[in-house]
Amino acid sequence: MSVQDENKLTKIKNSLESRVVTLPDGTSLPRIGQGTWYMGENPQMREREIKALQLGIDLGMKLIDTAEMYGDGDSERLVGEAIKGRRDDVFLVSKVYPHHAGLDMIAKACENSLKRLGTDHLDLYLLHWRGRVPLAETIEGMEKLRKEGKIVRWGVSNFDTDDMKELWNTTNGKNCMTNQVLYHLGSRGIDYDLLPWQREHHMPIMAYSPLAQGGSLRRQLLTDPTIKEIAEKYAVQPLQIALAWTIRSNDCLAIPKAVQEEHVLANAKATIIELTKEDLNRLDEVFPQPTRKMPLDII
């Protein structure tokens, strides 16, 4: 590796260390982590996916997000292989199915995730989405797992504003650390009320699919003239501008998925890009903030 390349990597690592999101318990995390949806499902991709996750850890994207739902546990198994011997370098997140979130099943679901991941604890355990189990019961189960040391902290995913308000007013609901939701330039519904509510309560957002999952929205992020012009100004790719937008504030952590090492590197580099007010205003014109309550986008 050349001195120039080493300097670039050092700059990326320093940026990831300095541009952080702080959880309610004071834990600081880089604004970009790693998502794993659909990873671990294709045996032919396994080695490449493991190397991609390990490169991300090397660069400083230490948060890895997975779920028991992803590939029926195959994603967790892949992550377990990727972090073998490096558990202390990783902030490990997994999610529990809503129908496993009652007192009768949550402990077993968590134990199964821990076995697949090859660890004795999760740094963060999320309720994947809201189901029929009462929130009070899920919270009680999460708190029990926390006291037993199986999880360090817990949170939720795909909760809208009314759900968060109900959670907040439930016993021990204020122990929730984050809400993981869909958020990117083409999906800004949470800007109207959910994100302001979470800011008011000092609880950061974790943004999944921050580069759009696919289809016309992703194409727009790649081809929009304004994004392309801003990307040219910073000598980066359009999707890096989209990712830099998602992490523009200190209360949003993004978890893009990448299976190619060059994409992992591109994601990490996005943390260096600090968009100006003029950049943000131009992006607001093309991708306007919502002016009314929008249904929570979920994929």
C-alpha atoms as a PDB file:
ATOM      1  CA  MET A   1       0.000   0.000   0.000  1.00  0.00           C
ATOM      2  CA  SER A   2       1.333   3.424  -0.960  1.00  0.00           C
ATOM      3  CA  VAL A   3       1.775   6.278   1.518  1.00  0.00           C
ATOM      4  CA  GLN A   4      -0.997   8.124  -0.305  1.00  0.00           C
ATOM      5  CA  ASP A   5      -3.395   5.185   0.123  1.00  0.00           C
ATOM      6  CA  GLU A   6      -2.478   4.877   3.797  1.00  0.00           C
ATOM      7  CA  ASN A   7      -3.183   8.570   4.300  1.00  0.00           C
ATOM      8  CA  LYS A   8      -6.599   8.179   2.653  1.00  0.00           C
ATOM      9  CA  LEU A   9      -7.492   5.250   4.918  1.00  0.00           C
ATOM     10  CA  THR A  10      -6.334   7.185   7.974  1.00  0.00           C
ATOM     11  CA  LYS A  11      -8.543  10.102   6.949  1.00  0.00           C
ATOM     12  CA  ILE A  12     -11.551   7.770   6.596  1.00  0.00           C
ATOM     13  CA  LYS A  13     -10.924   6.155   9.995  1.00  0.00           C
ATOM     14  CA  ASN A  14     -10.484   9.520  11.687  1.00  0.00           C
ATOM     15  CA  SER A  15     -13.706  10.793  10.147  1.00  0.00           C
ATOM     16  CA  LEU A  16     -15.652   7.736  11.307  1.00  0.00           C
ATOM     17  CA  GLU A  17     -14.239   8.197  14.810  1.00  0.00           C
ATOM     18  CA  SER A  18     -15.088  11.891  14.980  1.00  0.00           C
ATOM     19  CA  ARG A  19     -18.488  12.022  13.258  1.00  0.00           C
ATOM     20  CA  VAL A  20     -20.595  10.043  15.684  1.00  0.00           C
ATOM     21  CA  VAL A  21     -24.114   9.462  16.944  1.00  0.00           C
ATOM     22  CA  THR A  22     -24.614   9.255  20.705  1.00  0.00           C
ATOM     23  CA  LEU A  23     -27.164   6.854  22.161  1.00  0.00           C
ATOM     24  CA  PRO A  24     -29.193   7.885  25.231  1.00  0.00           C
ATOM     25  CA  ASP A  25     -26.839   5.884  27.490  1.00  0.00           C
ATOM     26  CA  GLY A  26     -23.843   7.899  26.251  1.00  0.00           C
ATOM     27  CA  THR A  27     -22.469   5.291  23.844  1.00  0.00           C
ATOM     28  CA  SER A  28     -20.896   6.899  20.752  1.00  0.00           C
ATOM     29  CA  LEU A  29     -21.070   5.148  17.390  1.00  0.00           C
ATOM     30  CA  PRO A  30     -19.822   6.108  13.907  1.00  0.00           C
ATOM     31  CA  ARG A  31     -22.611   7.568  11.785  1.00  0.00           C
ATOM     32  CA  ILE A  32     -22.165   4.783   9.222  1.00  0.00           C
ATOM     33  CA  GLY A  33     -22.499   1.104  10.111  1.00  0.00           C
ATOM     34  CA  GLN A  34     -23.124  -2.024   8.051  1.00  0.00           C
ATOM     35  CA  GLY A  35     -26.412  -3.646   7.083  1.00  0.00           C
ATOM     36  CA  THR A  36     -26.743  -7.340   6.183  1.00  0.00           C
ATOM     37  CA  TRP A  37     -30.211  -7.810   4.669  1.00  0.00           C
ATOM     38  CA  TYR A  38     -30.052 -10.655   2.087  1.00  0.00           C
ATOM     39  CA  MET A  39     -26.471 -11.483   3.069  1.00  0.00           C
ATOM     40  CA  GLY A  40     -25.698 -15.108   3.879  1.00  0.00           C
ATOM     41  CA  GLU A  41     -28.367 -16.489   1.545  1.00  0.00           C
ATOM     42  CA  ASN A  42     -26.125 -17.331  -1.434  1.00  0.00           C
ATOM     43  CA  PRO A  43     -23.303 -19.791  -0.616  1.00  0.00           C
ATOM     44  CA  GLN A  44     -21.344 -18.597  -3.665  1.00  0.00           C
ATOM     45  CA  MET A  45     -21.238 -15.077  -2.230  1.00  0.00           C
ATOM     46  CA  ARG A  46     -20.282 -16.113   1.288  1.00  0.00           C
ATOM     47  CA  GLU A  47     -16.546 -15.470   1.160  1.00  0.00           C
ATOM     48  CA  ARG A  48     -17.019 -12.109  -0.575  1.00  0.00           C
ATOM     49  CA  GLU A  49     -19.646 -11.015   1.960  1.00  0.00           C
ATOM     50  CA  ILE A  50     -17.444 -11.986   4.909  1.00  0.00           C
ATOM     51  CA  LYS A  51     -14.504 -10.045   3.459  1.00  0.00           C
ATOM     52  CA  ALA A  52     -16.749  -7.025   2.878  1.00  0.00           C
ATOM     53  CA  LEU A  53     -17.907  -6.999   6.509  1.00  0.00           C
ATOM     54  CA  GLN A  54     -14.358  -7.441   7.768  1.00  0.00           C
ATOM     55  CA  LEU A  55     -13.126  -4.558   5.616  1.00  0.00           C
ATOM     56  CA  GLY A  56     -15.892  -2.403   7.056  1.00  0.00           C
ATOM     57  CA  ILE A  57     -14.740  -3.272  10.582  1.00  0.00           C
ATOM     58  CA  ASP A  58     -11.136  -2.464   9.625  1.00  0.00           C
ATOM     59  CA  LEU A  59     -12.220   0.950   8.361  1.00  0.00           C
ATOM     60  CA  GLY A  60     -14.134   1.728  11.552  1.00  0.00           C
ATOM     61  CA  MET A  61     -17.736   0.893  10.610  1.00  0.00           C
ATOM     62  CA  LYS A  62     -18.046  -1.221  13.705  1.00  0.00           C
ATOM     63  CA  LEU A  63     -21.838  -1.415  13.981  1.00  0.00           C
ATOM     64  CA  ILE A  64     -23.182  -4.490  12.182  1.00  0.00           C
ATOM     65  CA  ASP A  65     -26.947  -4.916  11.961  1.00  0.00           C
ATOM     66  CA  THR A  66     -28.652  -8.248  11.348  1.00  0.00           C
ATOM     67  CA  ALA A  67     -31.881 -10.054  12.321  1.00  0.00           C
ATOM     68  CA  GLU A  68     -33.244 -13.527  12.969  1.00  0.00           C
ATOM     69  CA  MET A  69     -35.537 -12.921   9.984  1.00  0.00           C
ATOM     70  CA  TYR A  70     -32.727 -12.401   7.462  1.00  0.00           C
ATOM     71  CA  GLY A  71     -32.345 -15.686   5.604  1.00  0.00           C
ATOM     72  CA  ASP A  72     -33.948 -17.519   8.554  1.00  0.00           C
ATOM     73  CA  GLY A  73     -30.788 -16.951  10.555  1.00  0.00           C
ATOM     74  CA  ASP A  74     -28.283 -17.341   7.703  1.00  0.00           C
ATOM     75  CA  SER A  75     -27.329 -13.668   7.949  1.00  0.00           C
ATOM     76  CA  GLU A  76     -26.555 -14.052  11.652  1.00  0.00           C
ATOM     77  CA  ARG A  77     -24.420 -17.118  10.903  1.00  0.00           C
ATOM     78  CA  LEU A  78     -22.484 -15.160   8.274  1.00  0.00           C
ATOM     79  CA  VAL A  79     -21.932 -12.263  10.654  1.00  0.00           C
ATOM     80  CA  GLY A  80     -20.788 -14.701  13.323  1.00  0.00           C
ATOM     81  CA  GLU A  81     -18.156 -16.028  10.944  1.00  0.00           C
ATOM     82  CA  ALA A  82     -17.060 -12.526   9.943  1.00  0.00           C
ATOM     83  CA  ILE A  83     -16.538 -11.360  13.535  1.00  0.00           C
ATOM     84  CA  LYS A  84     -14.904 -14.535  14.840  1.00  0.00           C
ATOM     85  CA  GLY A  85     -11.939 -13.494  16.978  1.00  0.00           C
ATOM     86  CA  ARG A  86     -12.961  -9.826  16.642  1.00  0.00           C
ATOM     87  CA  ARG A  87     -16.051  -9.587  18.811  1.00  0.00           C
ATOM     88  CA  ASP A  88     -14.630  -6.714  20.873  1.00  0.00           C
ATOM     89  CA  ASP A  89     -14.184  -4.632  17.702  1.00  0.00           C
ATOM     90  CA  VAL A  90     -17.878  -4.812  16.830  1.00  0.00           C
ATOM     91  CA  PHE A  91     -21.115  -3.236  18.044  1.00  0.00           C
ATOM     92  CA  LEU A  92     -23.524  -6.073  17.303  1.00  0.00           C
ATOM     93  CA  VAL A  93     -27.211  -5.476  16.582  1.00  0.00           C
ATOM     94  CA  SER A  94     -29.913  -8.064  15.899  1.00  0.00           C
ATOM     95  CA  LYS A  95     -33.676  -7.996  15.759  1.00  0.00           C
ATOM     96  CA  VAL A  96     -36.440 -10.233  17.091  1.00  0.00           C
ATOM     97  CA  TYR A  97     -39.619 -11.161  15.217  1.00  0.00           C
ATOM     98  CA  PRO A  98     -42.774  -9.569  16.692  1.00  0.00           C
ATOM     99  CA  HIS A  99     -44.290 -13.025  17.282  1.00  0.00           C
ATOM    100  CA  HIS A 100     -41.186 -13.981  19.305  1.00  0.00           C
ATOM    101  CA  ALA A 101     -41.333 -10.807  21.414  1.00  0.00           C
ATOM    102  CA  GLY A 102     -43.552 -12.110  24.225  1.00  0.00           C
ATOM    103  CA  LEU A 103     -42.268 -13.294  27.592  1.00  0.00           C
ATOM    104  CA  ASP A 104     -42.785 -16.911  26.558  1.00  0.00           C
ATOM    105  CA  MET A 105     -40.449 -16.742  23.533  1.00  0.00           C
ATOM    106  CA  ILE A 106     -38.113 -13.729  23.577  1.00  0.00           C
ATOM    107  CA  ALA A 107     -35.446 -15.371  25.734  1.00  0.00           C
ATOM    108  CA  LYS A 108     -35.285 -18.406  23.410  1.00  0.00           C
ATOM    109  CA  ALA A 109     -35.222 -16.206  20.310  1.00  0.00           C
ATOM    110  CA  CYS A 110     -32.358 -14.190  21.745  1.00  0.00           C
ATOM    111  CA  GLU A 111     -30.459 -17.339  22.735  1.00  0.00           C
ATOM    112  CA  ASN A 112     -30.829 -18.723  19.207  1.00  0.00           C
ATOM    113  CA  SER A 113     -29.487 -15.473  17.738  1.00  0.00           C
ATOM    114  CA  LEU A 114     -26.532 -15.542  20.127  1.00  0.00           C
ATOM    115  CA  LYS A 115     -25.695 -19.113  19.102  1.00  0.00           C
ATOM    116  CA  ARG A 116     -25.828 -18.279  15.402  1.00  0.00           C
ATOM    117  CA  LEU A 117     -23.654 -15.213  15.984  1.00  0.00           C
ATOM    118  CA  GLY A 118     -21.181 -17.104  18.155  1.00  0.00           C
ATOM    119  CA  THR A 119     -21.346 -14.593  21.012  1.00  0.00           C
ATOM    120  CA  ASP A 120     -22.642 -14.398  24.564  1.00  0.00           C
ATOM    121  CA  HIS A 121     -24.302 -10.992  24.249  1.00  0.00           C
ATOM    122  CA  LEU A 122     -25.799  -8.460  21.846  1.00  0.00           C
ATOM    123  CA  ASP A 123     -24.882  -4.803  22.118  1.00  0.00           C
ATOM    124  CA  LEU A 124     -28.366  -3.862  20.932  1.00  0.00           C
ATOM    125  CA  TYR A 125     -31.522  -5.947  20.457  1.00  0.00           C
ATOM    126  CA  LEU A 126     -34.426  -4.504  18.466  1.00  0.00           C
ATOM    127  CA  LEU A 127     -38.091  -5.397  18.112  1.00  0.00           C
ATOM    128  CA  HIS A 128     -38.222  -5.771  14.313  1.00  0.00           C
ATOM    129  CA  TRP A 129     -41.675  -4.250  13.947  1.00  0.00           C
ATOM    130  CA  ARG A 130     -44.737  -3.934  16.090  1.00  0.00           C
ATOM    131  CA  GLY A 131     -46.961  -6.998  16.350  1.00  0.00           C
ATOM    132  CA  ARG A 132     -49.745  -8.218  18.606  1.00  0.00           C
ATOM    133  CA  VAL A 133     -47.645  -8.643  21.760  1.00  0.00           C
ATOM    134  CA  PRO A 134     -48.325  -5.734  24.151  1.00  0.00           C
ATOM    135  CA  LEU A 135     -45.415  -3.286  24.348  1.00  0.00           C
ATOM    136  CA  ALA A 136     -45.287  -3.657  28.131  1.00  0.00           C
ATOM    137  CA  GLU A 137     -44.648  -7.391  27.753  1.00  0.00           C
ATOM    138  CA  THR A 138     -41.903  -6.922  25.162  1.00  0.00           C
ATOM    139  CA  ILE A 139     -40.233  -4.268  27.309  1.00  0.00           C
ATOM    140  CA  GLU A 140     -40.367  -6.576  30.317  1.00  0.00           C
ATOM    141  CA  GLY A 141     -38.699  -9.315  28.265  1.00  0.00           C
ATOM    142  CA  MET A 142     -36.027  -6.919  26.987  1.00  0.00           C
ATOM    143  CA  GLU A 143     -35.300  -5.658  30.498  1.00  0.00           C
ATOM    144  CA  LYS A 144     -34.981  -9.235  31.768  1.00  0.00           C
ATOM    145  CA  LEU A 145     -32.485 -10.049  28.992  1.00  0.00           C
ATOM    146  CA  ARG A 146     -30.556  -6.891  29.865  1.00  0.00           C
ATOM    147  CA  LYS A 147     -30.351  -7.801  33.554  1.00  0.00           C
ATOM    148  CA  GLU A 148     -29.157 -11.287  32.597  1.00  0.00           C
ATOM    149  CA  GLY A 149     -26.388  -9.802  30.439  1.00  0.00           C
ATOM    150  CA  LYS A 150     -27.701 -11.350  27.215  1.00  0.00           C
ATOM    151  CA  ILE A 151     -28.188  -7.879  25.741  1.00  0.00           C
ATOM    152  CA  VAL A 152     -26.587  -4.585  26.749  1.00  0.00           C
ATOM    153  CA  ARG A 153     -29.422  -2.372  25.512  1.00  0.00           C
ATOM    154  CA  TRP A 154     -32.587  -2.563  23.430  1.00  0.00           C
ATOM    155  CA  GLY A 155     -34.595  -0.562  20.920  1.00  0.00           C
ATOM    156  CA  VAL A 156     -37.296  -0.815  18.275  1.00  0.00           C
ATOM    157  CA  SER A 157     -37.668  -0.764  14.503  1.00  0.00           C
ATOM    158  CA  ASN A 158     -40.379   0.477  12.130  1.00  0.00           C
ATOM    159  CA  PHE A 159     -42.158   2.453  14.862  1.00  0.00           C
ATOM    160  CA  ASP A 160     -44.089   5.559  13.836  1.00  0.00           C
ATOM    161  CA  THR A 161     -44.593   8.613  16.047  1.00  0.00           C
ATOM    162  CA  ASP A 162     -47.717   7.361  17.842  1.00  0.00           C
ATOM    163  CA  ASP A 163     -45.971   4.044  18.532  1.00  0.00           C
ATOM    164  CA  MET A 164     -42.987   5.884  19.998  1.00  0.00           C
ATOM    165  CA  LYS A 165     -45.224   8.016  22.200  1.00  0.00           C
ATOM    166  CA  GLU A 166     -46.975   4.912  23.522  1.00  0.00           C
ATOM    167  CA  LEU A 167     -43.627   3.215  24.098  1.00  0.00           C
ATOM    168  CA  TRP A 168     -42.275   6.272  25.904  1.00  0.00           C
ATOM    169  CA  ASN A 169     -45.248   6.300  28.272  1.00  0.00           C
ATOM    170  CA  THR A 170     -44.994   2.584  29.072  1.00  0.00           C
ATOM    171  CA  THR A 171     -43.040   1.422  32.126  1.00  0.00           C
ATOM    172  CA  ASN A 172     -39.303   1.326  31.266  1.00  0.00           C
ATOM    173  CA  GLY A 173     -40.099   2.484  27.732  1.00  0.00           C
ATOM    174  CA  LYS A 174     -37.674   5.362  28.160  1.00  0.00           C
ATOM    175  CA  ASN A 175     -34.858   2.777  28.151  1.00  0.00           C
ATOM    176  CA  CYS A 176     -35.299   2.464  24.372  1.00  0.00           C
ATOM    177  CA  MET A 177     -32.034   3.438  22.656  1.00  0.00           C
ATOM    178  CA  THR A 178     -33.059   3.920  19.018  1.00  0.00           C
ATOM    179  CA  ASN A 179     -35.728   3.407  16.374  1.00  0.00           C
ATOM    180  CA  GLN A 180     -34.560   1.826  13.105  1.00  0.00           C
ATOM    181  CA  VAL A 181     -36.597   3.060  10.146  1.00  0.00           C
ATOM    182  CA  LEU A 182     -36.393   3.499   6.378  1.00  0.00           C
ATOM    183  CA  TYR A 183     -34.855   6.888   5.591  1.00  0.00           C
ATOM    184  CA  HIS A 184     -33.144   8.377   2.563  1.00  0.00           C
ATOM    185  CA  LEU A 185     -33.443  11.367   0.221  1.00  0.00           C
ATOM    186  CA  GLY A 186     -36.311   9.743  -1.656  1.00  0.00           C
ATOM    187  CA  SER A 187     -38.169   8.743   1.517  1.00  0.00           C
ATOM    188  CA  ARG A 188     -38.369  11.708   3.884  1.00  0.00           C
ATOM    189  CA  GLY A 189     -41.706  11.138   5.613  1.00  0.00           C
ATOM    190  CA  ILE A 190     -40.112  10.944   9.073  1.00  0.00           C
ATOM    191  CA  ASP A 191     -38.835  14.524   8.691  1.00  0.00           C
ATOM    192  CA  TYR A 192     -42.368  15.776   9.387  1.00  0.00           C
ATOM    193  CA  ASP A 193     -42.933  14.428  12.899  1.00  0.00           C
ATOM    194  CA  LEU A 194     -41.026  11.261  13.844  1.00  0.00           C
ATOM    195  CA  LEU A 195     -37.510  12.671  13.522  1.00  0.00           C
ATOM    196  CA  PRO A 196     -38.414  15.909  15.385  1.00  0.00           C
ATOM    197  CA  TRP A 197     -40.037  13.834  18.157  1.00  0.00           C
ATOM    198  CA  GLN A 198     -36.932  11.683  18.509  1.00  0.00           C
ATOM    199  CA  ARG A 199     -34.680  14.746  18.536  1.00  0.00           C
ATOM    200  CA  GLU A 200     -36.805  16.236  21.305  1.00  0.00           C
ATOM    201  CA  HIS A 201     -36.361  13.020  23.298  1.00  0.00           C
ATOM    202  CA  HIS A 202     -32.638  12.699  22.482  1.00  0.00           C
ATOM    203  CA  MET A 203     -33.050   9.362  20.735  1.00  0.00           C
ATOM    204  CA  PRO A 204     -31.227   8.888  17.412  1.00  0.00           C
ATOM    205  CA  ILE A 205     -32.629   7.275  14.283  1.00  0.00           C
ATOM    206  CA  MET A 206     -30.966   4.265  12.666  1.00  0.00           C
ATOM    207  CA  ALA A 207     -31.609   4.512   8.925  1.00  0.00           C
ATOM    208  CA  TYR A 208     -31.950   1.266   7.000  1.00  0.00           C
ATOM    209  CA  SER A 209     -31.733   1.154   3.182  1.00  0.00           C
ATOM    210  CA  PRO A 210     -30.215   4.684   3.204  1.00  0.00           C
ATOM    211  CA  LEU A 211     -29.390   4.315  -0.503  1.00  0.00           C
ATOM    212  CA  ALA A 212     -32.880   3.066  -1.446  1.00  0.00           C
ATOM    213  CA  GLN A 213     -33.448  -0.650  -1.921  1.00  0.00           C
ATOM    214  CA  GLY A 214     -33.823  -0.481  -5.687  1.00  0.00           C
ATOM    215  CA  GLY A 215     -36.220   0.500  -8.446  1.00  0.00           C
ATOM    216  CA  SER A 216     -37.002   4.026  -9.581  1.00  0.00           C
ATOM    217  CA  LEU A 217     -35.987   5.727  -6.326  1.00  0.00           C
ATOM    218  CA  ARG A 218     -32.480   4.301  -6.454  1.00  0.00           C
ATOM    219  CA  ARG A 219     -32.200   5.237 -10.140  1.00  0.00           C
ATOM    220  CA  GLN A 220     -33.212   8.774  -9.251  1.00  0.00           C
ATOM    221  CA  LEU A 221     -30.495   8.965  -6.590  1.00  0.00           C
ATOM    222  CA  LEU A 222     -27.991   7.840  -9.225  1.00  0.00           C
ATOM    223  CA  THR A 223     -29.148  10.038 -12.084  1.00  0.00           C
ATOM    224  CA  ASP A 224     -30.622  13.223 -10.610  1.00  0.00           C
ATOM    225  CA  PRO A 225     -28.740  16.205 -12.122  1.00  0.00           C
ATOM    226  CA  THR A 226     -28.483  18.088  -8.830  1.00  0.00           C
ATOM    227  CA  ILE A 227     -27.016  15.092  -7.002  1.00  0.00           C
ATOM    228  CA  LYS A 228     -24.619  14.530  -9.902  1.00  0.00           C
ATOM    229  CA  GLU A 229     -23.491  18.161  -9.846  1.00  0.00           C
ATOM    230  CA  ILE A 230     -22.856  18.076  -6.095  1.00  0.00           C
ATOM    231  CA  ALA A 231     -21.044  14.738  -6.487  1.00  0.00           C
ATOM    232  CA  GLU A 232     -18.790  16.255  -9.149  1.00  0.00           C
ATOM    233  CA  LYS A 233     -17.991  19.154  -6.809  1.00  0.00           C
ATOM    234  CA  TYR A 234     -16.713  16.724  -4.176  1.00  0.00           C
ATOM    235  CA  ALA A 235     -15.255  14.296  -6.771  1.00  0.00           C
ATOM    236  CA  VAL A 236     -17.396  11.425  -5.434  1.00  0.00           C
ATOM    237  CA  GLN A 237     -20.234   9.195  -6.645  1.00  0.00           C
ATOM    238  CA  PRO A 238     -23.917  10.273  -6.515  1.00  0.00           C
ATOM    239  CA  LEU A 239     -24.808   7.573  -3.969  1.00  0.00           C
ATOM    240  CA  GLN A 240     -22.065   8.893  -1.669  1.00  0.00           C
ATOM    241  CA  ILE A 241     -23.826  12.271  -1.695  1.00  0.00           C
ATOM    242  CA  ALA A 242     -27.118  10.534  -0.856  1.00  0.00           C
ATOM    243  CA  LEU A 243     -25.440   8.731   2.044  1.00  0.00           C
ATOM    244  CA  ALA A 244     -23.720  11.930   3.232  1.00  0.00           C
ATOM    245  CA  TRP A 245     -27.171  13.559   3.269  1.00  0.00           C
ATOM    246  CA  THR A 246     -28.619  10.820   5.477  1.00  0.00           C
ATOM    247  CA  ILE A 247     -25.849  11.260   8.074  1.00  0.00           C
ATOM    248  CA  ARG A 248     -25.790  15.064   7.833  1.00  0.00           C
ATOM    249  CA  SER A 249     -26.765  15.456  11.486  1.00  0.00           C
ATOM    250  CA  ASN A 250     -25.496  13.862  14.669  1.00  0.00           C
ATOM    251  CA  ASP A 251     -28.778  12.069  15.384  1.00  0.00           C
ATOM    252  CA  CYS A 252     -28.951   9.689  12.422  1.00  0.00           C
ATOM    253  CA  LEU A 253     -26.855   6.579  11.901  1.00  0.00           C
ATOM    254  CA  ALA A 254     -27.053   4.833   8.511  1.00  0.00           C
ATOM    255  CA  ILE A 255     -26.545   1.118   7.875  1.00  0.00           C
ATOM    256  CA  PRO A 256     -25.989   0.583   4.130  1.00  0.00           C
ATOM    257  CA  LYS A 257     -25.329  -2.934   2.886  1.00  0.00           C
ATOM    258  CA  ALA A 258     -22.328  -3.631   0.667  1.00  0.00           C
ATOM    259  CA  VAL A 259     -21.003  -6.933  -0.655  1.00  0.00           C
ATOM    260  CA  GLN A 260     -18.278  -5.520  -2.926  1.00  0.00           C
ATOM    261  CA  GLU A 261     -15.164  -4.210  -1.200  1.00  0.00           C
ATOM    262  CA  GLU A 262     -15.164  -1.090  -3.401  1.00  0.00           C
ATOM    263  CA  HIS A 263     -18.721  -0.332  -2.235  1.00  0.00           C
ATOM    264  CA  VAL A 264     -17.689  -0.763   1.407  1.00  0.00           C
ATOM    265  CA  LEU A 265     -14.887   1.726   0.838  1.00  0.00           C
ATOM    266  CA  ALA A 266     -17.245   4.131  -0.949  1.00  0.00           C
ATOM    267  CA  ASN A 267     -19.703   3.982   1.957  1.00  0.00           C
ATOM    268  CA  ALA A 268     -16.954   4.665   4.475  1.00  0.00           C
ATOM    269  CA  LYS A 269     -15.662   7.614   2.418  1.00  0.00           C
ATOM    270  CA  ALA A 270     -19.111   9.233   2.567  1.00  0.00           C
ATOM    271  CA  THR A 271     -18.440  10.153   6.178  1.00  0.00           C
ATOM    272  CA  ILE A 272     -15.763  12.594   5.001  1.00  0.00           C
ATOM    273  CA  ILE A 273     -18.291  14.578   2.931  1.00  0.00           C
ATOM    274  CA  GLU A 274     -19.776  17.449   4.917  1.00  0.00           C
ATOM    275  CA  LEU A 275     -22.505  19.003   2.795  1.00  0.00           C
ATOM    276  CA  THR A 276     -22.843  22.789   2.926  1.00  0.00           C
ATOM    277  CA  LYS A 277     -26.064  24.657   3.641  1.00  0.00           C
ATOM    278  CA  GLU A 278     -26.223  25.516  -0.052  1.00  0.00           C
ATOM    279  CA  ASP A 279     -25.893  21.806  -0.954  1.00  0.00           C
ATOM    280  CA  LEU A 280     -28.683  20.901   1.449  1.00  0.00           C
ATOM    281  CA  ASN A 281     -30.959  23.656   0.151  1.00  0.00           C
ATOM    282  CA  ARG A 282     -30.456  22.455  -3.423  1.00  0.00           C
ATOM    283  CA  LEU A 283     -31.275  18.877  -2.416  1.00  0.00           C
ATOM    284  CA  ASP A 284     -34.375  20.100  -0.554  1.00  0.00           C
ATOM    285  CA  GLU A 285     -35.631  21.639  -3.804  1.00  0.00           C
ATOM    286  CA  VAL A 286     -35.394  18.313  -5.658  1.00  0.00           C
ATOM    287  CA  PHE A 287     -36.363  16.078  -2.724  1.00  0.00           C
ATOM    288  CA  PRO A 288     -38.633  18.372  -0.650  1.00  0.00           C
ATOM    289  CA  GLN A 289     -39.422  17.918   3.003  1.00  0.00           C
ATOM    290  CA  PRO A 290     -42.955  16.648   3.648  1.00  0.00           C
ATOM    291  CA  THR A 291     -45.549  19.273   4.499  1.00  0.00           C
ATOM    292  CA  ARG A 292     -47.960  16.846   6.120  1.00  0.00           C
ATOM    293  CA  LYS A 293     -47.992  13.578   8.025  1.00  0.00           C
ATOM    294  CA  MET A 294     -46.941  10.652   5.812  1.00  0.00           C
ATOM    295  CA  PRO A 295     -47.423   6.919   6.476  1.00  0.00           C
ATOM    296  CA  LEU A 296     -44.209   5.320   7.690  1.00  0.00           C
ATOM    297  CA  ASP A 297     -42.366   3.754   4.757  1.00  0.00           C
ATOM    298  CA  ILE A 298     -41.512   0.103   5.402  1.00  0.00           C
ATOM    299  CA  ILE A 299     -39.849  -2.442   3.129  1.00  0.00           C
END
